[in-house]
Amino acid sequence: MNSSKHENDARQVIAVLDKIIASNESIIGVCDKCRALAERCASPAKLEKRTAQLIVMHYSNLCAAGGGASALPGMIPAVGTVMSIFGAGALDAMLALKFELEMTLALSHLGGFDISDPRERKLAFLLACASLEEAYDSEHEMSLLGIMDLAM
């Protein structure tokens, strides 16, 4: 009973995240812009790696901006503080997960995967969720670094 409830909750979270992430065209557009920028400053041998670095940098900046924006209500005395305590953390976590999923999809597209295919899209979601799980598990820190090395 308890595991089916967790599975249902996980499916609901994935359904919500699938609705709030950017469209495939937008993600592919980010990949194309990063590739064009990488072509200007990287040798052909290092083009893929530099493109991946630019994609990670793009989504990292978006995540940082989202975190800063979620802290803005805290600047309003009293009411803003209460809002930031109860709502900003959830908003920040949701934005971070949104941008991580978009980055994973962008890197998957860069690697030649078809992000419009539902199976490959689910694999990208699984990779993002697995890396999150390992990020909070100190025993698997090295494998998380291995995932990050693949992206960079």
C-alpha atoms as a PDB file:
ATOM      1  CA  MET A   1       0.000   0.000   0.000  1.00  0.00           C
ATOM      2  CA  ASN A   2       2.716   2.445   0.998  1.00  0.00           C
ATOM      3  CA  SER A   3       4.913   1.791  -2.056  1.00  0.00           C
ATOM      4  CA  SER A   4       1.991   2.268  -4.465  1.00  0.00           C
ATOM      5  CA  LYS A   5       1.265   5.634  -2.809  1.00  0.00           C
ATOM      6  CA  HIS A   6       4.911   6.650  -3.323  1.00  0.00           C
ATOM      7  CA  GLU A   7       4.766   5.516  -6.958  1.00  0.00           C
ATOM      8  CA  ASN A   8       1.589   7.536  -7.498  1.00  0.00           C
ATOM      9  CA  ASP A   9       3.162  10.595  -5.848  1.00  0.00           C
ATOM     10  CA  ALA A  10       6.250  10.217  -8.032  1.00  0.00           C
ATOM     11  CA  ARG A  11       4.117   9.978 -11.169  1.00  0.00           C
ATOM     12  CA  GLN A  12       2.254  13.146 -10.169  1.00  0.00           C
ATOM     13  CA  VAL A  13       5.492  15.051  -9.576  1.00  0.00           C
ATOM     14  CA  ILE A  14       6.870  13.926 -12.938  1.00  0.00           C
ATOM     15  CA  ALA A  15       3.617  14.938 -14.656  1.00  0.00           C
ATOM     16  CA  VAL A  16       3.795  18.416 -13.090  1.00  0.00           C
ATOM     17  CA  LEU A  17       7.473  18.802 -13.982  1.00  0.00           C
ATOM     18  CA  ASP A  18       6.809  17.676 -17.544  1.00  0.00           C
ATOM     19  CA  LYS A  19       4.267  20.496 -17.845  1.00  0.00           C
ATOM     20  CA  ILE A  20       6.473  23.266 -16.449  1.00  0.00           C
ATOM     21  CA  ILE A  21       9.700  22.531 -18.290  1.00  0.00           C
ATOM     22  CA  ALA A  22      10.433  24.347 -21.521  1.00  0.00           C
ATOM     23  CA  SER A  23       9.304  22.959 -24.854  1.00  0.00           C
ATOM     24  CA  ASN A  24      11.572  20.668 -26.836  1.00  0.00           C
ATOM     25  CA  GLU A  25      11.996  23.402 -29.441  1.00  0.00           C
ATOM     26  CA  SER A  26      13.186  25.834 -26.782  1.00  0.00           C
ATOM     27  CA  ILE A  27      15.655  23.312 -25.352  1.00  0.00           C
ATOM     28  CA  ILE A  28      16.956  22.497 -28.832  1.00  0.00           C
ATOM     29  CA  GLY A  29      17.275  26.250 -29.456  1.00  0.00           C
ATOM     30  CA  VAL A  30      19.484  26.575 -26.366  1.00  0.00           C
ATOM     31  CA  CYS A  31      21.627  23.704 -27.687  1.00  0.00           C
ATOM     32  CA  ASP A  32      21.935  25.385 -31.075  1.00  0.00           C
ATOM     33  CA  LYS A  33      22.917  28.737 -29.531  1.00  0.00           C
ATOM     34  CA  CYS A  34      25.503  27.090 -27.295  1.00  0.00           C
ATOM     35  CA  ARG A  35      26.919  25.132 -30.232  1.00  0.00           C
ATOM     36  CA  ALA A  36      27.165  28.321 -32.326  1.00  0.00           C
ATOM     37  CA  LEU A  37      28.975  30.073 -29.475  1.00  0.00           C
ATOM     38  CA  ALA A  38      31.279  27.084 -28.969  1.00  0.00           C
ATOM     39  CA  GLU A  39      32.157  27.015 -32.676  1.00  0.00           C
ATOM     40  CA  ARG A  40      33.525  30.534 -32.342  1.00  0.00           C
ATOM     41  CA  CYS A  41      35.912  29.764 -29.506  1.00  0.00           C
ATOM     42  CA  ALA A  42      36.677  26.024 -29.526  1.00  0.00           C
ATOM     43  CA  SER A  43      38.656  23.788 -31.810  1.00  0.00           C
ATOM     44  CA  PRO A  44      36.695  21.120 -33.701  1.00  0.00           C
ATOM     45  CA  ALA A  45      38.158  18.439 -31.440  1.00  0.00           C
ATOM     46  CA  LYS A  46      36.779  20.132 -28.331  1.00  0.00           C
ATOM     47  CA  LEU A  47      33.501  21.379 -29.801  1.00  0.00           C
ATOM     48  CA  GLU A  48      31.198  18.878 -28.051  1.00  0.00           C
ATOM     49  CA  LYS A  49      32.847  19.369 -24.677  1.00  0.00           C
ATOM     50  CA  ARG A  50      32.733  23.173 -24.953  1.00  0.00           C
ATOM     51  CA  THR A  51      29.090  23.059 -26.063  1.00  0.00           C
ATOM     52  CA  ALA A  52      28.229  20.903 -23.034  1.00  0.00           C
ATOM     53  CA  GLN A  53      30.064  23.345 -20.754  1.00  0.00           C
ATOM     54  CA  LEU A  54      28.104  26.262 -22.204  1.00  0.00           C
ATOM     55  CA  ILE A  55      24.804  24.403 -21.715  1.00  0.00           C
ATOM     56  CA  VAL A  56      25.675  23.683 -18.078  1.00  0.00           C
ATOM     57  CA  MET A  57      26.726  27.315 -17.608  1.00  0.00           C
ATOM     58  CA  HIS A  58      23.457  28.570 -19.146  1.00  0.00           C
ATOM     59  CA  TYR A  59      21.246  26.497 -16.868  1.00  0.00           C
ATOM     60  CA  SER A  60      23.452  27.169 -13.851  1.00  0.00           C
ATOM     61  CA  ASN A  61      22.947  30.905 -14.365  1.00  0.00           C
ATOM     62  CA  LEU A  62      19.190  30.414 -14.716  1.00  0.00           C
ATOM     63  CA  CYS A  63      19.121  28.382 -11.513  1.00  0.00           C
ATOM     64  CA  ALA A  64      21.086  31.062  -9.645  1.00  0.00           C
ATOM     65  CA  ALA A  65      18.725  33.774 -10.900  1.00  0.00           C
ATOM     66  CA  GLY A  66      15.737  31.682  -9.829  1.00  0.00           C
ATOM     67  CA  GLY A  67      17.208  31.246  -6.366  1.00  0.00           C
ATOM     68  CA  GLY A  68      17.779  34.979  -6.061  1.00  0.00           C
ATOM     69  CA  ALA A  69      14.260  35.741  -7.247  1.00  0.00           C
ATOM     70  CA  SER A  70      12.744  33.292  -4.768  1.00  0.00           C
ATOM     71  CA  ALA A  71      14.494  35.162  -1.946  1.00  0.00           C
ATOM     72  CA  LEU A  72      13.024  38.555  -2.918  1.00  0.00           C
ATOM     73  CA  PRO A  73       9.845  38.253  -0.794  1.00  0.00           C
ATOM     74  CA  GLY A  74      12.085  38.052   2.279  1.00  0.00           C
ATOM     75  CA  MET A  75      12.929  41.721   1.789  1.00  0.00           C
ATOM     76  CA  ILE A  76       9.381  42.745   2.731  1.00  0.00           C
ATOM     77  CA  PRO A  77       9.155  43.084   6.528  1.00  0.00           C
ATOM     78  CA  ALA A  78       7.009  40.551   8.422  1.00  0.00           C
ATOM     79  CA  VAL A  79       4.762  39.193   5.648  1.00  0.00           C
ATOM     80  CA  GLY A  80       7.663  38.702   3.254  1.00  0.00           C
ATOM     81  CA  THR A  81       9.660  36.876   5.899  1.00  0.00           C
ATOM     82  CA  VAL A  82       6.802  34.448   6.529  1.00  0.00           C
ATOM     83  CA  MET A  83       6.338  33.961   2.783  1.00  0.00           C
ATOM     84  CA  SER A  84      10.026  33.291   2.285  1.00  0.00           C
ATOM     85  CA  ILE A  85      10.120  30.785   5.141  1.00  0.00           C
ATOM     86  CA  PHE A  86       7.173  28.724   3.928  1.00  0.00           C
ATOM     87  CA  GLY A  87       7.019  29.292   0.181  1.00  0.00           C
ATOM     88  CA  ALA A  88      10.398  30.353  -1.138  1.00  0.00           C
ATOM     89  CA  GLY A  89      12.147  27.103  -0.305  1.00  0.00           C
ATOM     90  CA  ALA A  90       9.596  25.057  -2.228  1.00  0.00           C
ATOM     91  CA  LEU A  91       9.685  27.502  -5.137  1.00  0.00           C
ATOM     92  CA  ASP A  92      13.478  27.464  -5.215  1.00  0.00           C
ATOM     93  CA  ALA A  93      13.558  23.653  -5.146  1.00  0.00           C
ATOM     94  CA  MET A  94      10.996  23.425  -7.939  1.00  0.00           C
ATOM     95  CA  LEU A  95      12.887  25.937 -10.097  1.00  0.00           C
ATOM     96  CA  ALA A  96      16.178  24.132  -9.498  1.00  0.00           C
ATOM     97  CA  LEU A  97      14.622  20.812 -10.487  1.00  0.00           C
ATOM     98  CA  LYS A  98      13.010  22.408 -13.561  1.00  0.00           C
ATOM     99  CA  PHE A  99      16.323  23.806 -14.760  1.00  0.00           C
ATOM    100  CA  GLU A 100      18.166  20.571 -13.975  1.00  0.00           C
ATOM    101  CA  LEU A 101      15.674  18.594 -16.036  1.00  0.00           C
ATOM    102  CA  GLU A 102      15.951  21.060 -18.909  1.00  0.00           C
ATOM    103  CA  MET A 103      19.740  20.846 -18.737  1.00  0.00           C
ATOM    104  CA  THR A 104      19.591  17.047 -18.739  1.00  0.00           C
ATOM    105  CA  LEU A 105      17.324  17.115 -21.784  1.00  0.00           C
ATOM    106  CA  ALA A 106      19.641  19.597 -23.520  1.00  0.00           C
ATOM    107  CA  LEU A 107      22.693  17.435 -22.825  1.00  0.00           C
ATOM    108  CA  SER A 108      20.758  14.372 -24.001  1.00  0.00           C
ATOM    109  CA  HIS A 109      19.930  16.163 -27.245  1.00  0.00           C
ATOM    110  CA  LEU A 110      23.575  17.153 -27.609  1.00  0.00           C
ATOM    111  CA  GLY A 111      24.499  13.489 -27.188  1.00  0.00           C
ATOM    112  CA  GLY A 112      22.229  12.507 -30.069  1.00  0.00           C
ATOM    113  CA  PHE A 113      19.140  11.362 -28.172  1.00  0.00           C
ATOM    114  CA  ASP A 114      15.655  12.228 -29.457  1.00  0.00           C
ATOM    115  CA  ILE A 115      14.144  14.201 -26.559  1.00  0.00           C
ATOM    116  CA  SER A 116      10.710  14.120 -28.190  1.00  0.00           C
ATOM    117  CA  ASP A 117      10.632  10.319 -27.836  1.00  0.00           C
ATOM    118  CA  PRO A 118       8.740   9.571 -24.568  1.00  0.00           C
ATOM    119  CA  ARG A 119      11.073   6.691 -23.634  1.00  0.00           C
ATOM    120  CA  GLU A 120      14.245   8.733 -24.037  1.00  0.00           C
ATOM    121  CA  ARG A 121      12.602  11.669 -22.262  1.00  0.00           C
ATOM    122  CA  LYS A 122      11.808   9.411 -19.295  1.00  0.00           C
ATOM    123  CA  LEU A 123      15.434   8.255 -19.256  1.00  0.00           C
ATOM    124  CA  ALA A 124      16.562  11.890 -19.034  1.00  0.00           C
ATOM    125  CA  PHE A 125      14.129  12.441 -16.143  1.00  0.00           C
ATOM    126  CA  LEU A 126      15.458   9.299 -14.461  1.00  0.00           C
ATOM    127  CA  LEU A 127      19.050  10.490 -14.864  1.00  0.00           C
ATOM    128  CA  ALA A 128      18.211  13.855 -13.298  1.00  0.00           C
ATOM    129  CA  CYS A 129      16.357  12.214 -10.409  1.00  0.00           C
ATOM    130  CA  ALA A 130      19.140   9.667  -9.861  1.00  0.00           C
ATOM    131  CA  SER A 131      21.762  12.398  -9.726  1.00  0.00           C
ATOM    132  CA  LEU A 132      19.609  14.263  -7.180  1.00  0.00           C
ATOM    133  CA  GLU A 133      19.281  11.132  -5.068  1.00  0.00           C
ATOM    134  CA  GLU A 134      23.030  10.580  -5.143  1.00  0.00           C
ATOM    135  CA  ALA A 135      23.698  14.230  -4.330  1.00  0.00           C
ATOM    136  CA  TYR A 136      22.029  13.705  -0.955  1.00  0.00           C
ATOM    137  CA  ASP A 137      23.727  10.369  -0.317  1.00  0.00           C
ATOM    138  CA  SER A 138      27.285  10.989   0.842  1.00  0.00           C
ATOM    139  CA  GLU A 139      28.320   7.386   0.160  1.00  0.00           C
ATOM    140  CA  HIS A 140      27.799   7.898  -3.597  1.00  0.00           C
ATOM    141  CA  GLU A 141      29.577  11.219  -3.914  1.00  0.00           C
ATOM    142  CA  MET A 142      32.156   9.874  -6.336  1.00  0.00           C
ATOM    143  CA  SER A 143      29.539   8.557  -8.754  1.00  0.00           C
ATOM    144  CA  LEU A 144      27.840  11.958  -8.782  1.00  0.00           C
ATOM    145  CA  LEU A 145      31.196  13.510  -9.676  1.00  0.00           C
ATOM    146  CA  GLY A 146      31.444  10.932 -12.454  1.00  0.00           C
ATOM    147  CA  ILE A 147      28.070  12.079 -13.836  1.00  0.00           C
ATOM    148  CA  MET A 148      29.219  15.693 -13.674  1.00  0.00           C
ATOM    149  CA  ASP A 149      32.439  14.782 -15.506  1.00  0.00           C
ATOM    150  CA  LEU A 150      30.401  13.269 -18.320  1.00  0.00           C
ATOM    151  CA  ALA A 151      28.432  16.513 -18.651  1.00  0.00           C
ATOM    152  CA  MET A 152      31.531  18.672 -18.676  1.00  0.00           C
END
